[in-house]
Amino acid sequence: MATRHLSQIELAARWNISHRTLERWRWTDEGPNFIKLGGRVIKRFDSPEHEPYDRCVIKLQTRASALLQEHSDVVLFANYQISVAKSDVGFNKKVTRALGSGARVMHTEERPAFLAKNRYGLPDTLPLMWSEFLAAMPQSQ
């Protein structure tokens, strides 16, 4: 049986409470845990120490993104697991190709290419499976 996750509105209707109550509970660290799923955009990052580069960030307004990251215990970045292979095709020309099996992974630590974080000491990379995430989470006291 597949797990079905409810939206804020669906959960509020199921529990016969206001969706604002759920928002207040999240703000005060009460009530059920929740998962925020979002998209990503690629933005230029101007580092004071290095040349500018592109990185994937959460698809939200800058201030909202900063607040979400600050108040979240876990921010994960999901992507395909790939490797890069360079080959010489002759005439002093090299071609770079991405190779992958289609396996998806979630990153738990920030890298130059993307934002991620966790406050639980999770491994840097996990398979993109809910069961793997739950197994890696420390057991609550």
C-alpha atoms as a PDB file:
ATOM      1  CA  MET A   1       0.000   0.000   0.000  1.00  0.00           C
ATOM      2  CA  ALA A   2       1.460   3.351  -1.047  1.00  0.00           C
ATOM      3  CA  THR A   3       1.834   6.168   1.464  1.00  0.00           C
ATOM      4  CA  ARG A   4      -0.264   9.216   0.618  1.00  0.00           C
ATOM      5  CA  HIS A   5       0.839  12.591   1.944  1.00  0.00           C
ATOM      6  CA  LEU A   6      -1.811  15.219   2.642  1.00  0.00           C
ATOM      7  CA  SER A   7      -1.633  18.898   1.807  1.00  0.00           C
ATOM      8  CA  GLN A   8      -2.168  21.450   4.554  1.00  0.00           C
ATOM      9  CA  ILE A   9      -5.761  22.064   3.411  1.00  0.00           C
ATOM     10  CA  GLU A  10      -6.542  18.320   3.232  1.00  0.00           C
ATOM     11  CA  LEU A  11      -5.145  17.681   6.720  1.00  0.00           C
ATOM     12  CA  ALA A  12      -7.041  20.646   8.186  1.00  0.00           C
ATOM     13  CA  ALA A  13     -10.287  19.337   6.658  1.00  0.00           C
ATOM     14  CA  ARG A  14      -9.605  15.791   7.921  1.00  0.00           C
ATOM     15  CA  TRP A  15      -8.939  17.004  11.480  1.00  0.00           C
ATOM     16  CA  ASN A  16     -11.713  19.627  11.317  1.00  0.00           C
ATOM     17  CA  ILE A  17      -9.381  22.494  12.231  1.00  0.00           C
ATOM     18  CA  SER A  18      -8.283  25.669  10.492  1.00  0.00           C
ATOM     19  CA  HIS A  19      -5.290  25.531   8.146  1.00  0.00           C
ATOM     20  CA  ARG A  20      -4.019  28.568  10.088  1.00  0.00           C
ATOM     21  CA  THR A  21      -3.842  26.358  13.183  1.00  0.00           C
ATOM     22  CA  LEU A  22      -1.474  24.045  11.327  1.00  0.00           C
ATOM     23  CA  GLU A  23       0.654  27.036  10.306  1.00  0.00           C
ATOM     24  CA  ARG A  24       0.793  28.236  13.925  1.00  0.00           C
ATOM     25  CA  TRP A  25       1.761  24.742  15.104  1.00  0.00           C
ATOM     26  CA  ARG A  26       4.642  24.658  12.623  1.00  0.00           C
ATOM     27  CA  TRP A  27       5.823  28.079  13.767  1.00  0.00           C
ATOM     28  CA  THR A  28       5.726  27.072  17.441  1.00  0.00           C
ATOM     29  CA  ASP A  29       7.116  23.537  16.837  1.00  0.00           C
ATOM     30  CA  GLU A  30       3.863  21.854  17.854  1.00  0.00           C
ATOM     31  CA  GLY A  31       1.648  19.378  16.039  1.00  0.00           C
ATOM     32  CA  PRO A  32       2.664  16.893  13.324  1.00  0.00           C
ATOM     33  CA  ASN A  33       5.880  16.969  11.306  1.00  0.00           C
ATOM     34  CA  PHE A  34       5.499  18.248   7.788  1.00  0.00           C
ATOM     35  CA  ILE A  35       7.298  18.049   4.457  1.00  0.00           C
ATOM     36  CA  LYS A  36       7.604  21.012   2.099  1.00  0.00           C
ATOM     37  CA  LEU A  37       8.178  19.939  -1.493  1.00  0.00           C
ATOM     38  CA  GLY A  38       9.358  22.597  -3.879  1.00  0.00           C
ATOM     39  CA  GLY A  39      10.983  23.245  -7.181  1.00  0.00           C
ATOM     40  CA  ARG A  40      14.374  24.643  -7.941  1.00  0.00           C
ATOM     41  CA  VAL A  41      15.867  27.334 -10.105  1.00  0.00           C
ATOM     42  CA  ILE A  42      19.425  27.979 -11.146  1.00  0.00           C
ATOM     43  CA  LYS A  43      20.777  31.323  -9.976  1.00  0.00           C
ATOM     44  CA  ARG A  44      24.128  32.994 -10.252  1.00  0.00           C
ATOM     45  CA  PHE A  45      26.070  32.958  -6.985  1.00  0.00           C
ATOM     46  CA  ASP A  46      28.562  35.815  -6.557  1.00  0.00           C
ATOM     47  CA  SER A  47      31.092  34.553  -4.072  1.00  0.00           C
ATOM     48  CA  PRO A  48      33.413  37.144  -2.502  1.00  0.00           C
ATOM     49  CA  GLU A  49      36.219  34.561  -2.540  1.00  0.00           C
ATOM     50  CA  HIS A  50      35.828  32.973  -6.006  1.00  0.00           C
ATOM     51  CA  GLU A  51      34.601  33.637  -9.500  1.00  0.00           C
ATOM     52  CA  PRO A  52      30.785  33.682  -9.820  1.00  0.00           C
ATOM     53  CA  TYR A  53      29.080  30.372 -10.569  1.00  0.00           C
ATOM     54  CA  ASP A  54      25.592  28.929 -10.970  1.00  0.00           C
ATOM     55  CA  ARG A  55      23.850  26.935  -8.257  1.00  0.00           C
ATOM     56  CA  CYS A  56      20.434  25.383  -7.704  1.00  0.00           C
ATOM     57  CA  VAL A  57      18.309  27.145  -5.096  1.00  0.00           C
ATOM     58  CA  ILE A  58      14.765  26.710  -3.776  1.00  0.00           C
ATOM     59  CA  LYS A  59      12.156  28.230  -6.069  1.00  0.00           C
ATOM     60  CA  LEU A  60      10.872  30.884  -3.663  1.00  0.00           C
ATOM     61  CA  GLN A  61      11.374  34.575  -3.140  1.00  0.00           C
ATOM     62  CA  THR A  62      14.806  35.236  -1.633  1.00  0.00           C
ATOM     63  CA  ARG A  63      13.528  36.198   1.824  1.00  0.00           C
ATOM     64  CA  ALA A  64      11.032  33.333   1.977  1.00  0.00           C
ATOM     65  CA  SER A  65      13.759  30.902   0.935  1.00  0.00           C
ATOM     66  CA  ALA A  66      16.081  32.184   3.659  1.00  0.00           C
ATOM     67  CA  LEU A  67      13.349  31.859   6.322  1.00  0.00           C
ATOM     68  CA  LEU A  68      12.454  28.350   5.192  1.00  0.00           C
ATOM     69  CA  GLN A  69      16.081  27.238   5.328  1.00  0.00           C
ATOM     70  CA  GLU A  70      16.646  28.853   8.715  1.00  0.00           C
ATOM     71  CA  HIS A  71      13.612  27.241  10.382  1.00  0.00           C
ATOM     72  CA  SER A  72      13.839  23.797   8.754  1.00  0.00           C
ATOM     73  CA  ASP A  73      15.664  20.924  10.396  1.00  0.00           C
ATOM     74  CA  VAL A  74      16.254  19.190   7.050  1.00  0.00           C
ATOM     75  CA  VAL A  75      16.529  20.666   3.540  1.00  0.00           C
ATOM     76  CA  LEU A  76      17.274  18.009   0.935  1.00  0.00           C
ATOM     77  CA  PHE A  77      18.349  18.299  -2.682  1.00  0.00           C
ATOM     78  CA  ALA A  78      17.183  15.482  -4.986  1.00  0.00           C
ATOM     79  CA  ASN A  79      18.930  14.720  -8.254  1.00  0.00           C
ATOM     80  CA  TYR A  80      19.995  11.891 -10.525  1.00  0.00           C
ATOM     81  CA  GLN A  81      23.223  10.108  -9.616  1.00  0.00           C
ATOM     82  CA  ILE A  82      25.609  10.746 -12.502  1.00  0.00           C
ATOM     83  CA  SER A  83      29.272  10.526 -13.338  1.00  0.00           C
ATOM     84  CA  VAL A  84      31.182  12.389 -16.015  1.00  0.00           C
ATOM     85  CA  ALA A  85      33.373  10.698 -18.598  1.00  0.00           C
ATOM     86  CA  LYS A  86      35.823  12.568 -20.839  1.00  0.00           C
ATOM     87  CA  SER A  87      36.973  11.023 -24.079  1.00  0.00           C
ATOM     88  CA  ASP A  88      39.384  12.085 -26.781  1.00  0.00           C
ATOM     89  CA  VAL A  89      37.681  12.106 -30.200  1.00  0.00           C
ATOM     90  CA  GLY A  90      40.787  13.042 -32.158  1.00  0.00           C
ATOM     91  CA  PHE A  91      42.261  16.206 -33.573  1.00  0.00           C
ATOM     92  CA  ASN A  92      43.037  17.441 -30.048  1.00  0.00           C
ATOM     93  CA  LYS A  93      39.309  17.583 -29.198  1.00  0.00           C
ATOM     94  CA  LYS A  94      37.776  16.180 -26.012  1.00  0.00           C
ATOM     95  CA  VAL A  95      34.114  15.408 -25.374  1.00  0.00           C
ATOM     96  CA  THR A  96      32.510  15.265 -21.935  1.00  0.00           C
ATOM     97  CA  ARG A  97      29.455  13.050 -21.399  1.00  0.00           C
ATOM     98  CA  ALA A  98      27.254  12.513 -18.361  1.00  0.00           C
ATOM     99  CA  LEU A  99      26.614   8.867 -17.527  1.00  0.00           C
ATOM    100  CA  GLY A 100      23.865   7.659 -15.245  1.00  0.00           C
ATOM    101  CA  SER A 101      21.697   4.678 -14.436  1.00  0.00           C
ATOM    102  CA  GLY A 102      18.590   6.711 -13.664  1.00  0.00           C
ATOM    103  CA  ALA A 103      19.061   6.219  -9.912  1.00  0.00           C
ATOM    104  CA  ARG A 104      17.859   9.162  -7.821  1.00  0.00           C
ATOM    105  CA  VAL A 105      19.644  10.364  -4.696  1.00  0.00           C
ATOM    106  CA  MET A 106      19.041  13.015  -2.047  1.00  0.00           C
ATOM    107  CA  HIS A 107      21.854  15.174  -0.778  1.00  0.00           C
ATOM    108  CA  THR A 108      21.792  16.296   2.845  1.00  0.00           C
ATOM    109  CA  GLU A 109      24.802  18.643   2.920  1.00  0.00           C
ATOM    110  CA  GLU A 110      25.380  21.877   1.000  1.00  0.00           C
ATOM    111  CA  ARG A 111      27.739  21.875  -1.977  1.00  0.00           C
ATOM    112  CA  PRO A 112      28.698  24.657  -4.379  1.00  0.00           C
ATOM    113  CA  ALA A 113      26.120  23.379  -6.897  1.00  0.00           C
ATOM    114  CA  PHE A 114      23.114  23.258  -4.542  1.00  0.00           C
ATOM    115  CA  LEU A 115      21.692  24.127  -1.134  1.00  0.00           C
ATOM    116  CA  ALA A 116      20.980  21.393   1.433  1.00  0.00           C
ATOM    117  CA  LYS A 117      21.286  20.979   5.187  1.00  0.00           C
ATOM    118  CA  ASN A 118      20.376  18.739   8.074  1.00  0.00           C
ATOM    119  CA  ARG A 119      20.614  18.993  11.850  1.00  0.00           C
ATOM    120  CA  TYR A 120      20.670  15.241  12.460  1.00  0.00           C
ATOM    121  CA  GLY A 121      24.090  14.166  11.197  1.00  0.00           C
ATOM    122  CA  LEU A 122      22.674  12.282   8.199  1.00  0.00           C
ATOM    123  CA  PRO A 123      25.031  10.816   5.581  1.00  0.00           C
ATOM    124  CA  ASP A 124      25.953  13.236   2.753  1.00  0.00           C
ATOM    125  CA  THR A 125      23.981  11.238   0.182  1.00  0.00           C
ATOM    126  CA  LEU A 126      21.069   8.803   0.494  1.00  0.00           C
ATOM    127  CA  PRO A 127      18.999   6.912  -2.091  1.00  0.00           C
ATOM    128  CA  LEU A 128      15.810   8.841  -2.860  1.00  0.00           C
ATOM    129  CA  MET A 129      13.528   6.532  -0.895  1.00  0.00           C
ATOM    130  CA  TRP A 130      11.437   7.369   2.148  1.00  0.00           C
ATOM    131  CA  SER A 131      12.474   4.136   3.868  1.00  0.00           C
ATOM    132  CA  GLU A 132      16.179   5.044   3.473  1.00  0.00           C
ATOM    133  CA  PHE A 133      15.561   8.499   4.933  1.00  0.00           C
ATOM    134  CA  LEU A 134      13.676   7.085   7.936  1.00  0.00           C
ATOM    135  CA  ALA A 135      16.377   4.463   8.533  1.00  0.00           C
ATOM    136  CA  ALA A 136      19.076   7.180   8.541  1.00  0.00           C
ATOM    137  CA  MET A 137      17.204   9.458  10.958  1.00  0.00           C
ATOM    138  CA  PRO A 138      18.223   9.127  14.616  1.00  0.00           C
ATOM    139  CA  GLN A 139      15.565   7.556  16.796  1.00  0.00           C
ATOM    140  CA  SER A 140      13.741  10.039  19.027  1.00  0.00           C
ATOM    141  CA  GLN A 141      14.305   9.796  22.749  1.00  0.00           C
END
